[in-house]
N, C-alpha and C. Protein backbone atom coordinates (compact mmCIF):
# COMPACT_ATOMS: atom_id res chain seq x y z
N MET A 1 -10.26 14.65 -11.07
CA MET A 1 -11.16 13.51 -10.49
C MET A 1 -10.64 12.29 -10.40
N ILE A 2 -10.09 11.86 -11.56
CA ILE A 2 -9.53 10.60 -11.79
C ILE A 2 -8.24 10.41 -10.82
N GLY A 3 -7.53 11.63 -10.86
CA GLY A 3 -6.21 11.62 -9.98
C GLY A 3 -6.67 11.13 -8.60
N LYS A 4 -7.57 11.74 -7.92
CA LYS A 4 -8.22 11.76 -6.55
C LYS A 4 -8.58 10.36 -6.45
N VAL A 5 -9.16 9.73 -7.20
CA VAL A 5 -9.51 8.21 -6.95
C VAL A 5 -8.36 7.24 -7.05
N ALA A 6 -7.46 7.57 -7.94
CA ALA A 6 -6.04 6.71 -8.15
C ALA A 6 -5.40 6.97 -6.91
N VAL A 7 -5.42 8.06 -6.12
CA VAL A 7 -4.59 8.28 -4.88
C VAL A 7 -5.31 7.70 -3.86
N ALA A 8 -6.68 7.75 -3.72
CA ALA A 8 -7.36 7.04 -2.67
C ALA A 8 -7.18 5.54 -2.72
N ILE A 9 -7.31 5.05 -3.89
CA ILE A 9 -7.11 3.46 -4.18
C ILE A 9 -5.78 3.09 -3.57
N ALA A 10 -4.87 3.84 -4.13
CA ALA A 10 -3.35 3.52 -3.77
C ALA A 10 -3.14 3.53 -2.32
N VAL A 11 -3.73 4.46 -1.53
CA VAL A 11 -3.71 4.64 -0.20
C VAL A 11 -4.51 3.53 0.46
N LEU A 12 -5.51 3.23 -0.23
CA LEU A 12 -6.49 2.18 0.55
C LEU A 12 -5.63 0.81 0.48
N VAL A 13 -5.14 0.54 -0.69
CA VAL A 13 -4.44 -0.86 -0.78
C VAL A 13 -3.36 -0.99 0.12
N VAL A 14 -2.45 0.19 0.33
CA VAL A 14 -1.46 0.20 1.22
C VAL A 14 -1.96 -0.09 2.73
N ALA A 15 -2.99 0.53 3.06
CA ALA A 15 -3.57 0.36 4.30
C ALA A 15 -4.15 -1.12 4.62
N CYS A 16 -4.81 -1.63 3.64
CA CYS A 16 -5.13 -2.83 3.87
C CYS A 16 -4.11 -3.86 4.07
N ILE A 17 -3.03 -3.74 3.25
CA ILE A 17 -1.97 -4.81 3.29
C ILE A 17 -1.42 -4.50 4.64
N LEU A 18 -1.23 -3.24 5.10
CA LEU A 18 -0.58 -3.04 6.58
C LEU A 18 -1.46 -3.88 7.60
N VAL A 19 -2.69 -3.71 7.52
CA VAL A 19 -3.58 -4.33 8.51
C VAL A 19 -3.53 -5.79 8.35
N ALA A 20 -3.55 -6.28 7.31
CA ALA A 20 -3.33 -7.85 7.05
C ALA A 20 -2.08 -8.09 7.49
N GLY A 21 -1.02 -7.51 7.44
CA GLY A 21 0.36 -7.86 7.77
C GLY A 21 0.39 -7.87 9.49
N LEU A 22 -0.10 -6.74 9.96
CA LEU A 22 -0.16 -6.69 11.44
C LEU A 22 -1.06 -8.02 12.03
N TYR A 23 -2.22 -8.21 11.35
CA TYR A 23 -2.92 -9.07 11.81
C TYR A 23 -2.23 -10.55 12.08
N THR A 24 -1.65 -10.74 10.84
CA THR A 24 -0.74 -12.10 10.83
C THR A 24 0.38 -11.98 11.86
N LEU A 25 0.84 -10.80 12.02
CA LEU A 25 2.13 -10.75 12.98
C LEU A 25 1.57 -11.05 14.34
N PHE A 26 0.55 -10.34 14.71
CA PHE A 26 0.03 -10.75 16.10
C PHE A 26 -0.69 -11.96 16.36
N LYS A 27 -1.14 -12.70 15.29
CA LYS A 27 -1.88 -13.97 15.18
C LYS A 27 -0.73 -14.93 15.82
N GLY A 28 0.51 -14.82 15.18
CA GLY A 28 1.61 -15.89 15.45
C GLY A 28 1.24 -17.12 14.68
N GLY A 29 2.33 -18.09 15.08
CA GLY A 29 1.80 -19.43 14.73
C GLY A 29 2.42 -19.73 13.14
N ASP A 30 1.86 -20.71 12.61
CA ASP A 30 2.17 -20.98 11.14
C ASP A 30 1.80 -19.93 10.16
N VAL A 31 0.67 -19.22 10.32
CA VAL A 31 0.09 -17.92 9.63
C VAL A 31 1.26 -16.92 9.69
N SER A 32 1.68 -16.64 10.74
CA SER A 32 2.79 -15.70 10.97
C SER A 32 4.08 -15.92 10.24
N ARG A 33 4.45 -17.18 10.27
CA ARG A 33 5.82 -17.65 9.58
C ARG A 33 5.60 -17.53 8.18
N SER A 34 4.48 -17.84 7.57
CA SER A 34 4.53 -17.90 6.19
C SER A 34 3.81 -16.71 5.46
N TRP A 35 3.22 -15.92 6.25
CA TRP A 35 2.67 -14.52 5.61
C TRP A 35 3.15 -13.29 6.03
N SER A 36 3.67 -13.08 7.30
CA SER A 36 3.72 -11.92 7.93
C SER A 36 4.96 -11.10 7.12
N ASN A 37 6.08 -11.78 6.95
CA ASN A 37 7.10 -11.20 6.12
C ASN A 37 6.67 -10.89 4.93
N ARG A 38 6.19 -11.83 4.07
CA ARG A 38 5.68 -11.55 2.73
C ARG A 38 4.65 -10.41 2.52
N LEU A 39 3.88 -10.24 3.57
CA LEU A 39 2.90 -9.20 3.31
C LEU A 39 3.50 -7.61 3.71
N MET A 40 4.48 -7.84 4.43
CA MET A 40 5.35 -6.54 4.83
C MET A 40 6.12 -6.24 3.53
N ARG A 41 6.70 -7.08 2.85
CA ARG A 41 7.35 -6.76 1.83
C ARG A 41 6.49 -6.26 0.66
N LEU A 42 5.27 -6.86 0.59
CA LEU A 42 4.40 -6.42 -0.50
C LEU A 42 3.81 -4.81 -0.04
N ARG A 43 3.75 -4.66 1.16
CA ARG A 43 3.47 -3.35 1.57
C ARG A 43 4.37 -2.36 1.16
N VAL A 44 5.85 -2.67 1.41
CA VAL A 44 6.75 -1.71 0.89
C VAL A 44 6.53 -1.51 -0.72
N LEU A 45 6.40 -2.43 -1.37
CA LEU A 45 6.12 -2.30 -2.99
C LEU A 45 4.78 -1.38 -3.23
N ALA A 46 3.87 -1.63 -2.16
CA ALA A 46 2.67 -0.79 -2.48
C ALA A 46 2.90 0.50 -2.30
N GLN A 47 3.69 0.75 -1.07
CA GLN A 47 3.81 2.25 -0.68
C GLN A 47 4.65 2.86 -1.79
N PHE A 48 5.66 2.08 -2.53
CA PHE A 48 6.39 2.74 -3.66
C PHE A 48 5.45 2.99 -4.76
N ILE A 49 4.64 2.18 -5.28
CA ILE A 49 3.64 2.40 -6.29
C ILE A 49 2.77 3.71 -5.81
N ALA A 50 2.33 3.69 -4.43
CA ALA A 50 1.56 4.75 -4.23
C ALA A 50 2.35 6.07 -4.12
N ILE A 51 3.45 6.25 -3.98
CA ILE A 51 4.11 7.30 -4.00
C ILE A 51 4.40 7.83 -5.54
N ILE A 52 4.67 6.85 -6.45
CA ILE A 52 4.60 7.15 -7.77
C ILE A 52 3.41 7.70 -8.24
N VAL A 53 2.22 7.07 -7.86
CA VAL A 53 0.83 7.40 -8.18
C VAL A 53 0.63 8.96 -7.74
N ILE A 54 0.89 9.07 -6.48
CA ILE A 54 0.73 10.63 -5.89
C ILE A 54 1.55 11.71 -6.58
N MET A 55 2.77 11.25 -6.84
CA MET A 55 3.69 12.32 -7.59
C MET A 55 3.18 12.49 -8.82
N THR A 56 2.74 11.51 -9.60
CA THR A 56 2.15 11.77 -11.07
C THR A 56 1.00 12.70 -11.00
N VAL A 57 0.05 12.30 -10.23
CA VAL A 57 -1.13 13.15 -9.94
C VAL A 57 -0.77 14.48 -9.63
N LEU A 58 0.16 14.79 -8.73
CA LEU A 58 0.58 16.12 -8.48
C LEU A 58 1.24 16.87 -9.65
N TYR A 59 1.98 16.18 -10.32
CA TYR A 59 2.69 16.71 -11.44
C TYR A 59 1.64 16.99 -12.63
N PHE A 60 0.68 16.24 -12.97
CA PHE A 60 -0.29 16.58 -14.02
C PHE A 60 -1.36 17.57 -13.70
N THR A 61 -1.55 17.77 -12.27
CA THR A 61 -2.61 18.57 -11.92
C THR A 61 -2.20 20.15 -11.40
N ARG A 62 -0.85 20.25 -11.48
CA ARG A 62 -0.18 21.53 -11.22
C ARG A 62 -0.10 22.24 -12.72
N GLY A 63 -0.36 21.30 -13.84
CA GLY A 63 -0.18 22.01 -15.11
C GLY A 63 0.89 22.25 -15.83
N HIS A 64 1.80 21.30 -15.46
CA HIS A 64 3.15 21.16 -16.14
C HIS A 64 2.99 20.56 -17.43
């Protein structure tokens, strides 16, 4: 149960960062210049962490 919650939170964080990054990208102007690239780099980091969380949950739920 805890594993499913951790995976859901990790995926939700990635989705929120993606939506925020796309919003700033399409908004343009000063907001886009200062935040768009930063948010997309943060998204890559969040995706990496989410993959680690997912693989860890899979490893421990399979009984190894």
